[in-house]
């Protein structure tokens, strides 16, 4: 097992020192799902959720959250993100919404947490926007699906 980078020699939490690492291009893609009843999905599709346009609000919330990741997760470095894209797709087979976030940066550390935060907050926003129609929605399967760049190289999780 590799050494945990966020602990010092005494087991105390620390922010990783990345000052000696070179700036490289880095990309991370995360995905998650909001499962719901078919009736709720149809309300979203028809634009009949009383709070407004669920997908647009969730998209903006995800992008905004990715930019605030270091404020939310204590040991994350603040990053100068060069791109964040949040895509929400209605999926009749779930039924529900599949959320995919892509984050990019040229920097000393990766953007996995920013992509994961974008998906998480977008999913919470879908729930918040549609909870009047259904309180049994489930946020599930939030995960990193791809990471490119950095010392650990490329990772693709099916």
C-alpha atoms as a PDB file:
ATOM      1  CA  UNK A   1       0.000   0.000   0.000  1.00  0.00           C
ATOM      2  CA  UNK A   2       1.328   3.441  -0.875  1.00  0.00           C
ATOM      3  CA  UNK A   3       1.972   6.110   1.751  1.00  0.00           C
ATOM      4  CA  UNK A   4      -0.932   8.439   2.517  1.00  0.00           C
ATOM      5  CA  UNK A   5       0.134  11.851   1.254  1.00  0.00           C
ATOM      6  CA  UNK A   6      -2.146  13.893   3.523  1.00  0.00           C
ATOM      7  CA  UNK A   7      -0.568  12.647   6.759  1.00  0.00           C
ATOM      8  CA  UNK A   8       2.766  13.724   8.218  1.00  0.00           C
ATOM      9  CA  UNK A   9       5.230  11.413  10.000  1.00  0.00           C
ATOM     10  CA  UNK A  10       3.173  11.790  13.211  1.00  0.00           C
ATOM     11  CA  UNK A  11      -0.150  10.911  11.578  1.00  0.00           C
ATOM     12  CA  UNK A  12      -1.422  14.498  11.552  1.00  0.00           C
ATOM     13  CA  UNK A  13      -3.328  15.902   8.591  1.00  0.00           C
ATOM     14  CA  UNK A  14      -1.339  18.122   6.250  1.00  0.00           C
ATOM     15  CA  UNK A  15      -1.712  19.814   2.899  1.00  0.00           C
ATOM     16  CA  UNK A  16       0.620  18.210   0.365  1.00  0.00           C
ATOM     17  CA  UNK A  17       3.526  20.421  -0.731  1.00  0.00           C
ATOM     18  CA  UNK A  18       3.363  20.535  -4.529  1.00  0.00           C
ATOM     19  CA  UNK A  19       5.756  23.481  -4.975  1.00  0.00           C
ATOM     20  CA  UNK A  20       8.492  21.358  -6.607  1.00  0.00           C
ATOM     21  CA  UNK A  21       6.160  19.607  -9.044  1.00  0.00           C
ATOM     22  CA  UNK A  22       6.062  20.809 -12.653  1.00  0.00           C
ATOM     23  CA  UNK A  23       2.945  22.363 -14.133  1.00  0.00           C
ATOM     24  CA  UNK A  24       1.277  19.855 -16.446  1.00  0.00           C
ATOM     25  CA  UNK A  25      -2.020  19.639 -18.275  1.00  0.00           C
ATOM     26  CA  UNK A  26      -4.530  17.655 -16.210  1.00  0.00           C
ATOM     27  CA  UNK A  27      -8.076  16.486 -16.875  1.00  0.00           C
ATOM     28  CA  UNK A  28     -10.579  14.585 -14.747  1.00  0.00           C
ATOM     29  CA  UNK A  29     -14.012  13.240 -15.631  1.00  0.00           C
ATOM     30  CA  UNK A  30     -16.503  12.211 -12.959  1.00  0.00           C
ATOM     31  CA  UNK A  31     -19.995  10.782 -13.238  1.00  0.00           C
ATOM     32  CA  UNK A  32     -22.995  10.179 -11.000  1.00  0.00           C
ATOM     33  CA  UNK A  33     -26.710   9.464 -11.155  1.00  0.00           C
ATOM     34  CA  UNK A  34     -29.943  10.662  -9.614  1.00  0.00           C
ATOM     35  CA  UNK A  35     -32.488   7.830  -9.698  1.00  0.00           C
ATOM     36  CA  UNK A  36     -36.154   8.770  -9.579  1.00  0.00           C
ATOM     37  CA  UNK A  37     -39.632   7.657 -10.537  1.00  0.00           C
ATOM     38  CA  UNK A  38     -40.545   7.820 -14.221  1.00  0.00           C
ATOM     39  CA  UNK A  39     -43.202  10.400 -13.374  1.00  0.00           C
ATOM     40  CA  UNK A  40     -40.605  12.730 -11.857  1.00  0.00           C
ATOM     41  CA  UNK A  41     -38.337  12.309 -14.853  1.00  0.00           C
ATOM     42  CA  UNK A  42     -41.226  13.229 -17.136  1.00  0.00           C
ATOM     43  CA  UNK A  43     -41.922  16.383 -15.111  1.00  0.00           C
ATOM     44  CA  UNK A  44     -38.281  17.412 -15.536  1.00  0.00           C
ATOM     45  CA  UNK A  45     -38.378  16.585 -19.249  1.00  0.00           C
ATOM     46  CA  UNK A  46     -41.562  18.628 -19.724  1.00  0.00           C
ATOM     47  CA  UNK A  47     -40.206  21.601 -17.775  1.00  0.00           C
ATOM     48  CA  UNK A  48     -42.993  21.288 -15.210  1.00  0.00           C
ATOM     49  CA  UNK A  49     -40.947  21.370 -12.019  1.00  0.00           C
ATOM     50  CA  UNK A  50     -42.211  24.393 -10.098  1.00  0.00           C
ATOM     51  CA  UNK A  51     -38.753  25.639  -9.079  1.00  0.00           C
ATOM     52  CA  UNK A  52     -37.729  26.032 -12.724  1.00  0.00           C
ATOM     53  CA  UNK A  53     -35.303  24.541 -15.230  1.00  0.00           C
ATOM     54  CA  UNK A  54     -33.780  21.676 -13.254  1.00  0.00           C
ATOM     55  CA  UNK A  55     -31.000  20.794 -15.674  1.00  0.00           C
ATOM     56  CA  UNK A  56     -29.739  24.340 -16.233  1.00  0.00           C
ATOM     57  CA  UNK A  57     -29.763  25.215 -12.539  1.00  0.00           C
ATOM     58  CA  UNK A  58     -27.972  21.942 -11.678  1.00  0.00           C
ATOM     59  CA  UNK A  59     -25.397  22.559 -14.409  1.00  0.00           C
ATOM     60  CA  UNK A  60     -24.597  26.029 -13.078  1.00  0.00           C
ATOM     61  CA  UNK A  61     -24.503  24.723  -9.493  1.00  0.00           C
ATOM     62  CA  UNK A  62     -22.008  22.016 -10.487  1.00  0.00           C
ATOM     63  CA  UNK A  63     -19.730  24.470 -12.274  1.00  0.00           C
ATOM     64  CA  UNK A  64     -19.876  26.904  -9.355  1.00  0.00           C
ATOM     65  CA  UNK A  65     -19.167  24.144  -6.822  1.00  0.00           C
ATOM     66  CA  UNK A  66     -16.120  22.913  -8.743  1.00  0.00           C
ATOM     67  CA  UNK A  67     -14.602  26.378  -8.390  1.00  0.00           C
ATOM     68  CA  UNK A  68     -15.204  26.254  -4.619  1.00  0.00           C
ATOM     69  CA  UNK A  69     -13.798  22.753  -3.989  1.00  0.00           C
ATOM     70  CA  UNK A  70     -10.879  23.948  -1.863  1.00  0.00           C
ATOM     71  CA  UNK A  71     -13.363  25.845   0.337  1.00  0.00           C
ATOM     72  CA  UNK A  72     -15.348  22.650   0.909  1.00  0.00           C
ATOM     73  CA  UNK A  73     -12.618  20.003   1.223  1.00  0.00           C
ATOM     74  CA  UNK A  74     -10.003  21.210   3.709  1.00  0.00           C
ATOM     75  CA  UNK A  75      -6.790  19.763   2.226  1.00  0.00           C
ATOM     76  CA  UNK A  76      -7.505  20.494  -1.455  1.00  0.00           C
ATOM     77  CA  UNK A  77      -5.363  23.084  -3.188  1.00  0.00           C
ATOM     78  CA  UNK A  78      -7.188  26.006  -4.801  1.00  0.00           C
ATOM     79  CA  UNK A  79      -6.782  25.543  -8.549  1.00  0.00           C
ATOM     80  CA  UNK A  80      -6.966  27.969 -11.489  1.00  0.00           C
ATOM     81  CA  UNK A  81      -9.419  25.868 -13.479  1.00  0.00           C
ATOM     82  CA  UNK A  82      -9.228  26.343 -17.229  1.00  0.00           C
ATOM     83  CA  UNK A  83     -12.430  24.420 -17.998  1.00  0.00           C
ATOM     84  CA  UNK A  84     -15.373  22.894 -16.192  1.00  0.00           C
ATOM     85  CA  UNK A  85     -18.169  21.287 -18.145  1.00  0.00           C
ATOM     86  CA  UNK A  86     -21.201  19.708 -16.484  1.00  0.00           C
ATOM     87  CA  UNK A  87     -23.532  17.659 -18.665  1.00  0.00           C
ATOM     88  CA  UNK A  88     -26.869  16.315 -17.451  1.00  0.00           C
ATOM     89  CA  UNK A  89     -28.686  13.672 -19.486  1.00  0.00           C
ATOM     90  CA  UNK A  90     -32.157  12.298 -18.907  1.00  0.00           C
ATOM     91  CA  UNK A  91     -31.988   8.499 -18.875  1.00  0.00           C
ATOM     92  CA  UNK A  92     -35.208   6.502 -19.166  1.00  0.00           C
ATOM     93  CA  UNK A  93     -33.418   3.246 -18.277  1.00  0.00           C
ATOM     94  CA  UNK A  94     -32.542   4.395 -14.725  1.00  0.00           C
ATOM     95  CA  UNK A  95     -34.966   6.265 -14.707  1.00  0.00           C
ATOM     96  CA  UNK A  96     -33.211   9.460 -13.777  1.00  0.00           C
ATOM     97  CA  UNK A  97     -30.453  11.910 -14.605  1.00  0.00           C
ATOM     98  CA  UNK A  98     -26.847  10.999 -15.444  1.00  0.00           C
ATOM     99  CA  UNK A  99     -24.394  13.765 -14.584  1.00  0.00           C
ATOM    100  CA  UNK A 100     -20.926  13.981 -16.123  1.00  0.00           C
ATOM    101  CA  UNK A 101     -18.383  16.646 -15.170  1.00  0.00           C
ATOM    102  CA  UNK A 102     -15.088  17.377 -16.878  1.00  0.00           C
ATOM    103  CA  UNK A 103     -12.511  19.602 -15.193  1.00  0.00           C
ATOM    104  CA  UNK A 104      -9.221  20.821 -16.676  1.00  0.00           C
ATOM    105  CA  UNK A 105      -6.235  22.693 -15.315  1.00  0.00           C
ATOM    106  CA  UNK A 106      -2.590  23.299 -16.066  1.00  0.00           C
ATOM    107  CA  UNK A 107      -1.002  22.993 -12.673  1.00  0.00           C
ATOM    108  CA  UNK A 108       0.898  21.016 -10.075  1.00  0.00           C
ATOM    109  CA  UNK A 109      -1.958  18.847  -8.816  1.00  0.00           C
ATOM    110  CA  UNK A 110      -4.949  17.055 -10.262  1.00  0.00           C
ATOM    111  CA  UNK A 111      -8.565  18.070 -10.695  1.00  0.00           C
ATOM    112  CA  UNK A 112     -10.322  14.873  -9.604  1.00  0.00           C
ATOM    113  CA  UNK A 113     -11.891  16.488  -6.562  1.00  0.00           C
ATOM    114  CA  UNK A 114     -13.198  19.394  -8.633  1.00  0.00           C
ATOM    115  CA  UNK A 115     -14.909  17.032 -11.095  1.00  0.00           C
ATOM    116  CA  UNK A 116     -16.334  14.922  -8.252  1.00  0.00           C
ATOM    117  CA  UNK A 117     -17.554  18.019  -6.416  1.00  0.00           C
ATOM    118  CA  UNK A 118     -19.248  19.289  -9.568  1.00  0.00           C
ATOM    119  CA  UNK A 119     -21.143  16.007  -9.974  1.00  0.00           C
ATOM    120  CA  UNK A 120     -22.065  15.850  -6.289  1.00  0.00           C
ATOM    121  CA  UNK A 121     -23.470  19.370  -6.094  1.00  0.00           C
ATOM    122  CA  UNK A 122     -25.252  19.048  -9.449  1.00  0.00           C
ATOM    123  CA  UNK A 123     -26.908  15.859  -8.130  1.00  0.00           C
ATOM    124  CA  UNK A 124     -27.906  17.593  -4.886  1.00  0.00           C
ATOM    125  CA  UNK A 125     -29.361  20.429  -6.941  1.00  0.00           C
ATOM    126  CA  UNK A 126     -31.445  18.020  -9.052  1.00  0.00           C
ATOM    127  CA  UNK A 127     -32.757  16.574  -5.793  1.00  0.00           C
ATOM    128  CA  UNK A 128     -33.496  20.011  -4.352  1.00  0.00           C
ATOM    129  CA  UNK A 129     -35.241  21.226  -7.488  1.00  0.00           C
ATOM    130  CA  UNK A 130     -37.465  18.127  -7.812  1.00  0.00           C
ATOM    131  CA  UNK A 131     -38.030  17.138  -4.167  1.00  0.00           C
ATOM    132  CA  UNK A 132     -41.530  18.636  -4.141  1.00  0.00           C
ATOM    133  CA  UNK A 133     -42.455  16.052  -6.786  1.00  0.00           C
ATOM    134  CA  UNK A 134     -40.569  13.150  -5.169  1.00  0.00           C
ATOM    135  CA  UNK A 135     -38.681  12.701  -1.941  1.00  0.00           C
ATOM    136  CA  UNK A 136     -37.543   9.132  -2.695  1.00  0.00           C
ATOM    137  CA  UNK A 137     -34.914  10.090  -5.313  1.00  0.00           C
ATOM    138  CA  UNK A 138     -31.499   8.472  -4.766  1.00  0.00           C
ATOM    139  CA  UNK A 139     -28.116   9.977  -5.553  1.00  0.00           C
ATOM    140  CA  UNK A 140     -25.879   7.083  -6.556  1.00  0.00           C
ATOM    141  CA  UNK A 141     -22.650   5.912  -8.103  1.00  0.00           C
ATOM    142  CA  UNK A 142     -20.615   9.118  -7.934  1.00  0.00           C
ATOM    143  CA  UNK A 143     -17.163   8.165  -9.168  1.00  0.00           C
ATOM    144  CA  UNK A 144     -14.057   9.187 -11.078  1.00  0.00           C
ATOM    145  CA  UNK A 145     -14.235   7.719 -14.594  1.00  0.00           C
ATOM    146  CA  UNK A 146     -11.078   9.220 -16.125  1.00  0.00           C
ATOM    147  CA  UNK A 147      -7.975  11.103 -15.071  1.00  0.00           C
ATOM    148  CA  UNK A 148      -5.238  12.291 -17.390  1.00  0.00           C
ATOM    149  CA  UNK A 149      -1.895  13.947 -16.635  1.00  0.00           C
ATOM    150  CA  UNK A 150       0.307  14.172 -13.596  1.00  0.00           C
ATOM    151  CA  UNK A 151       2.801  11.743 -12.080  1.00  0.00           C
ATOM    152  CA  UNK A 152       0.371   8.847 -11.763  1.00  0.00           C
ATOM    153  CA  UNK A 153      -0.507   9.066 -15.457  1.00  0.00           C
ATOM    154  CA  UNK A 154      -3.778   8.149 -17.082  1.00  0.00           C
ATOM    155  CA  UNK A 155      -6.505   6.235 -15.275  1.00  0.00           C
ATOM    156  CA  UNK A 156      -9.718   4.985 -16.844  1.00  0.00           C
ATOM    157  CA  UNK A 157     -12.356   3.366 -14.636  1.00  0.00           C
ATOM    158  CA  UNK A 158     -15.065   1.542 -16.580  1.00  0.00           C
END
